[in-house]
Amino acid sequence: GNMSFSCLEPQMVPVTFLSSSSYLALPGTSGQEEVSISFQFRTWNKEGLLLSSKLHQASGGFLLYLSDGKVKISFHKPGKAQSDITAGAGLNNGQWHSVSFSAKRNRISVIVDNDVTSSAHASIPLQIYSGDAFYFGGCPSSGNISECNTSFGGFQGCMRLISIGNKAVDMISVQQNVFGNFSDLQIDLCGIIDRCLPNYCEHGGECSQSWNSFYCNCANTGYKGATCHYSIYEQSCEAYKHRGNTSGFYNIDSDGSGPLGPFLVYCNMTDTTWTIIQHNNTNLTRVKSANRENPHTVFFKYSASLDQLQATINHAEHCEQELAYHCKKSRLLAKPDGVPLSWWIGRTNETQTYWGGSLPAVQKCACGLEGSCIDSQHYCNCDADRDEWTNDTGFLSYKEHLPVTEIVITDTDRPNSEAAYKLGPLLCRGDRTFWNSASFNTETSYLHFPTFHGELSADVSFFFKTTASSGVFLENLGIQ
């Protein structure tokens, strides 16, 4: 046969309170001993008036409002102490939240999001009878409506599913001016804007917002500014030294306001300022029983990521890392087929067969370049393969290969064969970007350059970036 069905869903008509002067006034039934109101709202603002009404045959009334993201209800009457109760928390997160408010005689109850744990109940020294009007979101600016006198502004956000006395309010009738009245409302649309999507706060800054703007919390990010853009740390030890700092541990931000975060280094501020970046294996380590099939492989983890290290190395004028290989019958390079017996890997993840003090693309140790190896037929001291301790030690200084991330040793499995290695920290000096710029942080800051006394002409050029409205760029007190 035939079948028919229908599914009637409640009509959901949201309204938007566009400004702090917006309001929705709905009539109530005056004198009832029970007040029951429910609605849903969403907003970004921590503060705002949600609902207010005057009590029947009594001066005074009640306010239901947001304060610090919580729903609060305040009853007031001349000669009586004001009564407040609070429910919910974090309700200004832009999501829909429901509020159910009921009052009968002197007993009141408010439930947020249908959650028993987010509800509040209280008895107040005041008999409650409903008034003849309920104001949602704010109050009319004209007239003296005492129940709307409040120190905080009107609600800015959206509401929907408003019910008074368990009867749903028909917002289309309100829109057609058949029921109630309103001002500065947008009906049948929730016009809330998410100003944190996309998130303009950089470097992990926490975005929060209000109806009109957004804010970035930069705490513990290492950055400052409206969007956590500017690093609070210097880019190099050189920059710290020129601010008057002495040797010690400092956070540096090698790419300034770029995506890389700050990291901790030691700044040795002697005549030459060195940036020292440690790794997890700085001790002299002995190696035995390693061969091609079972090599000794060690990985080095630094106190910064490889991207952070690369930025630091790129900005430095010079970087180096000492690599020491101590050996007794343990060769580095010598093998008939030309394949090295030990090697190291740097930042580019490429196998390197030159050792401390030598140069890239030259399969030698330092003594091989200098012609000072203990056996002139080999290019490393260790390749002499003698049954006594010797070493090949020196600094690796080709920046594109630094730092050393891995060492592989394979020739310590013969009788009396043994080796030991030690890799020093990454050392960098100079700042290629620092010398091209200067920051003037106070009104008494200056930069002085000597000139040739009595020169007939002088050409001076510079670029500047400033937020100051006035200031002296250039002054010469010795003009003849």
Protein backbone atom coordinates (compact mmCIF):
# COMPACT_ATOMS: atom_id res chain seq x y z
CA GLY A 1 0.00 0.00 0.00
CA ASN A 2 0.93 3.66 0.35
CA MET A 3 3.11 5.12 3.09
CA SER A 4 3.71 8.71 4.02
CA PHE A 5 5.62 10.36 6.83
CA SER A 6 6.80 13.77 7.96
CA CYS A 7 9.53 15.01 10.27
CA LEU A 8 8.92 18.45 11.70
CA GLU A 9 12.09 20.07 12.99
CA PRO A 10 11.95 23.23 15.06
CA GLN A 11 12.68 26.33 13.04
CA MET A 12 16.07 27.70 14.09
CA VAL A 13 16.35 31.43 13.43
CA PRO A 14 19.54 32.95 14.89
CA VAL A 15 19.90 36.66 15.58
CA THR A 16 23.09 38.72 15.67
CA PHE A 17 23.62 41.53 18.17
CA LEU A 18 25.82 43.79 16.06
CA SER A 19 26.86 46.40 18.62
CA SER A 20 26.84 47.17 22.29
CA SER A 21 23.61 49.15 21.76
CA SER A 22 21.73 46.21 20.19
CA TYR A 23 18.78 44.75 22.09
CA LEU A 24 15.78 42.47 21.72
CA ALA A 25 12.70 43.31 23.84
CA LEU A 26 10.13 40.54 24.31
CA PRO A 27 6.91 40.77 26.33
CA GLY A 28 6.40 38.72 29.46
CA THR A 29 3.40 37.79 31.58
CA SER A 30 3.44 40.14 34.53
CA GLY A 31 2.92 38.81 38.04
CA GLN A 32 3.66 35.12 37.50
CA GLU A 33 5.36 33.49 40.45
CA GLU A 34 7.59 31.43 38.18
CA VAL A 35 10.07 32.72 35.61
CA SER A 36 11.54 30.27 33.10
CA ILE A 37 13.79 31.36 30.24
CA SER A 38 16.22 29.45 28.03
CA PHE A 39 18.34 30.34 25.00
CA GLN A 40 21.63 29.57 23.24
CA PHE A 41 24.40 32.10 22.57
CA ARG A 42 27.86 32.33 21.07
CA THR A 43 30.39 35.14 21.38
CA TRP A 44 34.07 36.02 21.59
CA ASN A 45 33.59 38.69 24.26
CA LYS A 46 34.26 37.93 27.91
CA GLU A 47 31.72 40.52 29.08
CA GLY A 48 28.20 41.43 28.00
CA LEU A 49 24.61 41.68 29.15
CA LEU A 50 22.58 38.62 28.12
CA LEU A 51 19.19 39.21 29.79
CA SER A 52 17.55 41.70 32.12
CA SER A 53 14.06 42.26 33.50
CA LYS A 54 12.21 44.24 36.12
CA LEU A 55 10.46 42.40 38.92
CA HIS A 56 6.66 42.69 39.22
CA GLN A 57 5.31 45.20 41.77
CA ALA A 58 8.77 45.87 43.16
CA SER A 59 11.60 48.21 42.45
CA GLY A 60 14.60 46.25 41.34
CA GLY A 61 15.14 43.37 38.99
CA PHE A 62 17.66 40.84 37.78
CA LEU A 63 20.55 40.77 35.33
CA LEU A 64 21.96 37.71 33.61
CA TYR A 65 25.31 38.58 32.06
CA LEU A 66 28.76 37.33 31.01
CA SER A 67 31.69 38.21 33.22
CA ASP A 68 35.14 36.85 32.47
CA GLY A 69 33.57 34.21 30.24
CA LYS A 70 31.19 32.99 32.99
CA VAL A 71 27.42 33.36 33.32
CA LYS A 72 26.42 35.41 36.34
CA ILE A 73 23.01 36.34 37.72
CA SER A 74 22.51 39.38 39.88
CA PHE A 75 19.31 40.26 41.77
CA HIS A 76 18.98 43.75 43.13
CA LYS A 77 16.36 45.55 45.21
CA PRO A 78 16.63 48.76 47.22
CA GLY A 79 17.37 48.04 50.84
CA LYS A 80 18.38 44.45 50.12
CA ALA A 81 21.87 43.05 49.70
CA GLN A 82 22.63 42.20 46.07
CA SER A 83 22.67 38.46 45.40
CA ASP A 84 24.97 36.95 42.74
CA ILE A 85 25.48 33.40 41.53
CA THR A 86 27.89 32.11 38.86
CA ALA A 87 27.82 29.14 36.45
CA GLY A 88 30.00 27.84 33.60
CA ALA A 89 33.45 28.98 32.44
CA GLY A 90 35.21 29.81 29.17
CA LEU A 91 31.91 30.54 27.46
CA ASN A 92 33.43 33.18 25.16
CA ASN A 93 35.09 30.58 22.90
CA GLY A 94 32.89 31.26 19.88
CA GLN A 95 30.91 28.02 20.28
CA TRP A 96 27.19 27.68 20.95
CA HIS A 97 26.29 27.44 24.65
CA SER A 98 22.88 26.93 26.20
CA VAL A 99 21.55 28.71 29.30
CA SER A 100 18.45 27.66 31.23
CA PHE A 101 17.29 30.09 33.92
CA SER A 102 14.39 29.52 36.29
CA ALA A 103 13.16 31.32 39.38
CA LYS A 104 10.23 30.62 41.66
CA ARG A 105 9.54 32.78 44.67
CA ASN A 106 12.95 33.01 46.31
CA ARG A 107 14.57 29.97 44.69
CA ILE A 108 16.67 30.43 41.54
CA SER A 109 18.51 28.01 39.29
CA VAL A 110 20.76 28.37 36.24
CA ILE A 111 22.14 25.51 34.12
CA VAL A 112 24.81 25.96 31.42
CA ASP A 113 25.13 23.51 28.52
CA ASN A 114 22.77 21.04 30.23
CA ASP A 115 25.65 20.09 32.49
CA VAL A 116 24.92 19.44 36.15
CA THR A 117 28.49 20.37 37.04
CA SER A 118 27.98 23.76 35.33
CA SER A 119 24.81 24.62 37.24
CA ALA A 120 24.12 26.87 40.21
CA HIS A 121 21.21 27.04 42.65
CA ALA A 122 20.54 29.54 45.40
CA SER A 123 17.91 30.98 47.69
CA ILE A 124 17.66 34.75 47.86
CA PRO A 125 15.93 37.08 50.35
CA LEU A 126 13.54 38.30 47.69
CA GLN A 127 10.12 37.18 46.42
CA ILE A 128 10.32 36.84 42.62
CA TYR A 129 7.37 37.56 40.32
CA SER A 130 7.83 38.04 36.60
CA GLY A 131 7.77 41.49 35.03
CA ASP A 132 6.11 42.53 31.79
CA ALA A 133 9.21 42.68 29.58
CA PHE A 134 12.50 40.85 29.02
CA TYR A 135 15.46 42.55 27.39
CA PHE A 136 17.98 40.32 25.63
CA GLY A 137 21.46 41.52 24.74
CA GLY A 138 21.08 45.11 25.91
CA CYS A 139 18.64 47.87 26.73
CA PRO A 140 16.98 50.75 24.90
CA SER A 141 19.05 53.91 25.13
CA SER A 142 15.97 56.09 25.71
CA GLY A 143 14.05 56.12 28.95
CA ASN A 144 15.08 55.36 32.49
CA ILE A 145 15.04 51.59 32.78
CA SER A 146 16.64 50.86 36.12
CA GLU A 147 17.05 47.14 35.58
CA CYS A 148 19.33 47.91 32.61
CA ASN A 149 21.73 50.19 34.42
CA THR A 150 24.91 48.18 34.36
CA SER A 151 28.59 49.00 34.25
CA PHE A 152 29.41 46.62 31.38
CA GLY A 153 28.36 46.95 27.76
CA GLY A 154 25.72 45.10 25.81
CA PHE A 155 26.15 41.63 24.38
CA GLN A 156 27.85 41.25 20.99
CA GLY A 157 27.32 37.84 19.42
CA CYS A 158 24.51 35.53 18.36
CA MET A 159 21.46 34.00 20.08
CA ARG A 160 18.97 31.36 19.00
CA LEU A 161 16.25 29.04 20.38
CA ILE A 162 14.93 31.64 22.80
CA SER A 163 12.10 30.32 25.00
CA ILE A 164 10.06 32.19 27.61
CA GLY A 165 7.87 30.13 29.94
CA ASN A 166 8.79 26.98 27.98
CA LYS A 167 7.31 28.54 24.81
CA ALA A 168 9.61 29.10 21.83
CA VAL A 169 9.81 32.68 20.55
CA ASP A 170 8.96 33.04 16.86
CA MET A 171 11.77 35.26 15.60
CA ILE A 172 10.14 35.67 12.17
CA SER A 173 7.20 37.36 13.93
CA VAL A 174 9.72 39.60 15.70
CA GLN A 175 11.34 40.40 12.36
CA GLN A 176 7.91 41.34 10.96
CA ASN A 177 7.26 43.62 13.97
CA VAL A 178 4.32 41.44 15.03
CA PHE A 179 5.87 40.43 18.35
CA GLY A 180 8.23 42.42 20.56
CA ASN A 181 10.68 44.99 19.23
CA PHE A 182 14.40 45.27 18.59
CA SER A 183 17.23 47.58 17.58
CA ASP A 184 20.40 47.00 15.53
CA LEU A 185 19.79 43.25 15.13
CA GLN A 186 20.50 40.95 12.23
CA ILE A 187 17.74 38.34 12.15
CA ASP A 188 18.00 34.91 10.51
CA LEU A 189 21.80 35.04 10.42
CA CYS A 190 24.65 34.52 12.86
CA GLY A 191 27.25 37.05 11.70
CA ILE A 192 30.05 36.12 14.07
CA ILE A 193 33.56 36.27 12.55
CA ASP A 194 36.43 34.01 13.61
CA ARG A 195 39.38 36.40 13.68
CA CYS A 196 41.79 33.67 14.82
CA LEU A 197 41.27 31.58 11.69
CA PRO A 198 43.72 31.83 10.11
CA ASN A 199 45.87 32.41 13.16
CA TYR A 200 48.01 35.50 12.61
CA CYS A 201 49.95 34.97 15.85
CA GLU A 202 53.44 33.78 14.95
CA HIS A 203 55.89 31.46 16.73
CA GLY A 204 53.23 29.60 18.71
CA GLY A 205 51.56 32.73 20.08
CA GLU A 206 48.08 32.02 21.48
CA CYS A 207 45.30 33.84 19.67
CA SER A 208 42.25 35.18 21.49
CA GLN A 209 39.62 37.56 20.18
CA SER A 210 36.74 39.86 20.87
CA TRP A 211 33.92 40.89 18.59
CA ASN A 212 36.02 43.57 16.88
CA SER A 213 39.66 42.42 17.09
CA PHE A 214 42.10 39.67 18.00
CA TYR A 215 45.00 39.52 20.44
CA CYS A 216 48.17 37.44 20.63
CA ASN A 217 49.55 36.10 23.90
CA CYS A 218 53.31 35.88 23.33
CA ALA A 219 54.20 34.58 26.82
CA ASN A 220 56.98 31.96 26.80
CA THR A 221 57.41 32.16 23.02
CA GLY A 222 60.60 34.23 22.97
CA TYR A 223 58.90 36.82 20.75
CA LYS A 224 57.04 40.08 21.22
CA GLY A 225 54.84 42.50 19.28
CA ALA A 226 51.20 42.51 18.26
CA THR A 227 51.59 39.18 16.41
CA CYS A 228 54.63 37.76 18.31
CA HIS A 229 56.82 38.65 15.34
CA TYR A 230 59.88 40.28 16.91
CA SER A 231 62.40 38.12 18.73
CA ILE A 232 63.34 39.19 22.26
CA TYR A 233 66.76 37.56 21.78
CA GLU A 234 69.78 38.66 19.77
CA GLN A 235 70.81 36.80 16.63
CA SER A 236 74.38 36.10 17.72
CA CYS A 237 76.88 36.25 20.57
CA GLU A 238 78.52 39.13 18.69
CA ALA A 239 75.34 41.18 19.09
CA TYR A 240 75.18 40.40 22.83
CA LYS A 241 78.80 41.50 23.24
CA HIS A 242 78.12 44.84 21.58
CA ARG A 243 75.30 45.39 24.07
CA GLY A 244 77.86 45.13 26.85
CA ASN A 245 77.19 41.54 27.96
CA THR A 246 79.96 39.30 29.27
CA SER A 247 80.66 35.60 28.76
CA GLY A 248 77.84 33.26 29.72
CA PHE A 249 74.87 31.26 28.46
CA TYR A 250 72.45 33.13 26.18
CA ASN A 251 69.49 32.31 24.00
CA ILE A 252 70.12 33.33 20.41
CA ASP A 253 67.59 33.52 17.59
CA SER A 254 69.70 32.89 14.53
CA ASP A 255 67.05 33.86 11.97
CA GLY A 256 65.58 36.79 13.91
CA SER A 257 61.86 36.98 13.23
CA GLY A 258 61.93 33.92 10.98
CA PRO A 259 60.27 30.57 11.72
CA LEU A 260 63.19 29.09 13.68
CA GLY A 261 62.94 29.43 17.45
CA PRO A 262 65.65 30.53 19.92
CA PHE A 263 68.13 28.08 21.47
CA LEU A 264 70.72 28.16 24.22
CA VAL A 265 74.44 28.62 23.50
CA TYR A 266 77.53 29.62 25.46
CA CYS A 267 79.08 32.94 24.42
CA ASN A 268 82.82 33.18 25.09
CA MET A 269 83.39 36.93 24.88
CA THR A 270 87.15 37.28 24.94
CA ASP A 271 89.06 39.29 22.31
CA THR A 272 87.26 37.13 19.74
CA THR A 273 83.63 36.30 20.46
CA TRP A 274 82.91 32.60 20.02
CA THR A 275 79.50 30.96 19.88
CA ILE A 276 79.82 27.49 21.42
CA ILE A 277 77.17 24.86 20.67
CA GLN A 278 77.55 21.57 22.53
CA HIS A 279 76.47 18.07 21.57
CA ASN A 280 75.73 14.92 23.55
CA ASN A 281 79.10 13.11 23.25
CA THR A 282 82.11 15.27 24.09
CA ASN A 283 84.16 12.63 25.94
CA LEU A 284 87.10 10.67 24.52
CA THR A 285 85.52 7.35 23.46
CA ARG A 286 87.53 4.15 22.95
CA VAL A 287 86.63 1.70 20.18
CA LYS A 288 87.49 -1.99 19.79
CA SER A 289 86.25 -4.91 17.65
CA ALA A 290 84.84 -2.83 14.82
CA ASN A 291 84.98 -4.01 11.20
CA ARG A 292 83.14 -3.56 7.93
CA GLU A 293 80.42 -6.00 8.89
CA ASN A 294 80.06 -4.60 12.40
CA PRO A 295 81.11 -0.93 12.30
CA HIS A 296 81.17 1.39 15.28
CA THR A 297 78.70 4.15 14.47
CA VAL A 298 78.05 7.16 16.69
CA PHE A 299 75.47 9.90 16.17
CA PHE A 300 75.80 13.40 17.60
CA LYS A 301 72.78 15.35 18.79
CA TYR A 302 73.21 19.09 19.31
CA SER A 303 71.44 21.54 21.58
CA ALA A 304 69.79 23.00 18.47
CA SER A 305 68.08 21.60 15.38
CA LEU A 306 70.00 21.27 12.12
CA ASP A 307 68.00 24.17 10.66
CA GLN A 308 68.93 26.37 13.62
CA LEU A 309 72.56 25.30 13.30
CA GLN A 310 72.56 26.03 9.58
CA ALA A 311 71.21 29.55 10.16
CA THR A 312 73.90 30.19 12.78
CA ILE A 313 76.65 28.86 10.51
CA ASN A 314 75.39 30.89 7.53
CA HIS A 315 75.50 34.12 9.56
CA ALA A 316 78.96 33.42 10.98
CA GLU A 317 82.18 34.57 9.33
CA HIS A 318 83.97 31.38 10.40
CA CYS A 319 83.01 28.07 12.03
CA GLU A 320 85.14 25.12 13.09
CA GLN A 321 84.97 21.85 14.98
CA GLU A 322 87.92 19.90 16.35
CA LEU A 323 87.98 16.19 15.47
CA ALA A 324 90.61 13.98 17.11
CA TYR A 325 91.24 10.37 16.11
CA HIS A 326 93.70 8.43 18.31
CA CYS A 327 94.85 5.12 16.87
CA LYS A 328 96.92 2.00 17.49
CA LYS A 329 96.90 -0.33 14.47
CA SER A 330 93.71 1.38 13.31
CA ARG A 331 93.77 3.01 9.90
CA LEU A 332 91.58 5.79 8.55
CA LEU A 333 92.04 5.86 4.78
CA ALA A 334 94.50 3.18 3.63
CA LYS A 335 92.97 0.29 1.71
CA PRO A 336 94.04 -1.23 -1.62
CA ASP A 337 90.65 -0.57 -3.26
CA GLY A 338 90.69 3.08 -2.20
CA VAL A 339 87.60 2.70 -0.03
CA PRO A 340 88.15 4.50 3.31
CA LEU A 341 88.11 2.52 6.52
CA SER A 342 86.53 5.29 8.59
CA TRP A 343 84.57 8.41 7.69
CA TRP A 344 82.27 11.06 9.06
CA ILE A 345 79.01 12.63 7.95
CA GLY A 346 78.07 16.30 8.23
CA ARG A 347 74.97 18.45 7.90
CA THR A 348 74.56 17.68 4.18
CA ASN A 349 74.30 13.95 4.99
CA GLU A 350 77.23 13.20 2.68
CA THR A 351 80.16 10.88 3.48
CA GLN A 352 83.36 12.86 4.11
CA THR A 353 86.82 11.26 3.97
CA TYR A 354 89.02 14.21 4.86
CA TRP A 355 89.95 14.62 8.50
CA GLY A 356 90.72 17.44 10.94
CA GLY A 357 93.00 20.09 9.48
CA SER A 358 92.54 18.95 5.87
CA LEU A 359 90.38 20.25 3.04
CA PRO A 360 87.22 18.95 1.31
CA ALA A 361 87.68 16.69 -1.75
CA VAL A 362 91.19 15.84 -0.53
CA GLN A 363 91.27 12.38 1.03
CA LYS A 364 93.95 13.31 3.52
CA CYS A 365 94.60 14.27 7.13
CA ALA A 366 96.36 17.48 8.19
CA CYS A 367 99.80 15.85 8.11
CA GLY A 368 99.14 14.74 4.52
CA LEU A 369 98.66 18.35 3.44
CA GLU A 370 101.68 19.54 5.40
CA GLY A 371 103.89 16.59 4.39
CA SER A 372 104.60 15.79 8.04
CA CYS A 373 103.04 12.33 8.47
CA ILE A 374 105.12 9.78 10.44
CA ASP A 375 105.19 7.62 7.30
CA SER A 376 105.65 9.70 4.15
CA GLN A 377 103.97 6.99 2.06
CA HIS A 378 100.62 7.74 3.71
CA TYR A 379 98.47 10.84 4.12
CA CYS A 380 97.43 10.20 7.75
CA ASN A 381 99.51 9.32 10.81
CA CYS A 382 97.11 6.49 11.63
CA ASP A 383 97.56 4.94 8.18
CA ALA A 384 101.12 4.04 9.13
CA ASP A 385 99.36 1.20 11.00
CA ARG A 386 101.92 1.09 13.81
CA ASP A 387 101.55 -0.83 17.06
CA GLU A 388 101.85 2.35 19.10
CA TRP A 389 99.52 5.24 19.82
CA THR A 390 99.46 8.21 17.47
CA ASN A 391 96.70 10.52 16.29
CA ASP A 392 95.29 12.65 13.52
CA THR A 393 93.81 15.75 15.10
CA GLY A 394 92.73 19.08 13.67
CA PHE A 395 89.89 21.46 12.99
CA LEU A 396 87.21 20.96 10.33
CA SER A 397 86.34 24.41 9.03
CA TYR A 398 84.44 23.97 5.76
CA LYS A 399 81.14 25.54 6.85
CA GLU A 400 78.92 23.74 4.33
CA HIS A 401 79.79 20.37 5.92
CA LEU A 402 79.48 21.38 9.58
CA PRO A 403 78.53 20.26 12.09
CA VAL A 404 79.62 16.62 12.28
CA THR A 405 76.52 14.50 12.85
CA GLU A 406 77.94 10.95 12.59
CA ILE A 407 81.27 9.06 12.72
CA VAL A 408 81.79 5.51 11.40
CA ILE A 409 84.87 3.44 12.42
CA THR A 410 85.62 -0.04 10.96
CA ASP A 411 89.31 -0.93 11.56
CA THR A 412 89.71 -2.01 15.20
CA ASP A 413 89.18 -5.77 15.03
CA ARG A 414 92.79 -6.97 14.53
CA PRO A 415 95.14 -8.02 17.38
CA ASN A 416 96.31 -4.98 19.41
CA SER A 417 94.04 -2.78 17.30
CA GLU A 418 92.31 0.04 19.11
CA ALA A 419 91.10 3.59 18.50
CA ALA A 420 89.59 6.52 20.36
CA TYR A 421 87.82 9.60 19.06
CA LYS A 422 86.75 12.94 20.44
CA LEU A 423 84.58 15.56 18.75
CA GLY A 424 84.61 19.08 20.15
CA PRO A 425 81.66 21.50 20.21
CA LEU A 426 80.73 23.57 17.18
CA LEU A 427 82.52 26.92 17.37
CA CYS A 428 81.50 29.96 15.32
CA ARG A 429 82.74 33.54 15.38
CA GLY A 430 81.78 36.77 13.68
CA ASP A 431 78.37 37.88 12.46
CA ARG A 432 78.15 38.64 8.74
CA THR A 433 74.88 40.56 9.19
CA PHE A 434 75.72 42.42 12.41
CA TRP A 435 78.48 44.55 10.94
CA ASN A 436 76.18 45.85 8.21
CA SER A 437 73.67 47.35 10.61
CA ALA A 438 73.39 49.16 13.92
CA SER A 439 70.49 49.69 16.34
CA PHE A 440 69.98 52.96 18.22
CA ASN A 441 67.92 52.07 21.28
CA THR A 442 68.10 55.27 23.35
CA GLU A 443 68.13 59.01 22.72
CA THR A 444 71.83 59.10 23.65
CA SER A 445 72.91 56.32 21.26
CA TYR A 446 75.47 57.26 18.63
CA LEU A 447 77.92 55.75 16.17
CA HIS A 448 81.24 57.50 15.55
CA PHE A 449 83.50 57.09 12.52
CA PRO A 450 86.90 58.81 12.26
CA THR A 451 87.54 60.89 9.14
CA PHE A 452 90.65 62.17 7.43
CA HIS A 453 91.20 65.60 8.89
CA GLY A 454 91.04 68.31 6.25
CA GLU A 455 89.62 66.21 3.40
CA LEU A 456 88.05 68.37 0.70
CA SER A 457 85.02 66.12 0.26
CA ALA A 458 83.19 63.29 1.97
CA ASP A 459 80.49 61.01 0.58
CA VAL A 460 78.11 59.45 3.13
CA SER A 461 75.21 57.10 2.37
CA PHE A 462 73.01 54.90 4.54
CA PHE A 463 69.59 53.29 4.80
CA PHE A 464 67.41 53.72 7.88
CA LYS A 465 64.28 52.18 9.39
CA THR A 466 62.56 53.93 12.27
CA THR A 467 59.24 54.59 13.98
CA ALA A 468 60.46 57.88 15.50
CA SER A 469 59.02 61.13 14.19
CA SER A 470 62.25 63.11 14.71
CA GLY A 471 65.95 62.53 15.27
CA VAL A 472 69.46 63.45 14.13
CA PHE A 473 70.89 61.14 11.47
CA LEU A 474 74.29 62.72 10.80
CA GLU A 475 76.37 65.36 12.49
CA ASN A 476 79.96 66.46 11.85
CA LEU A 477 81.44 68.68 14.53
CA GLY A 478 84.85 68.99 12.88
CA ILE A 479 84.04 70.73 9.58
CA GLN A 480 86.78 73.11 8.38
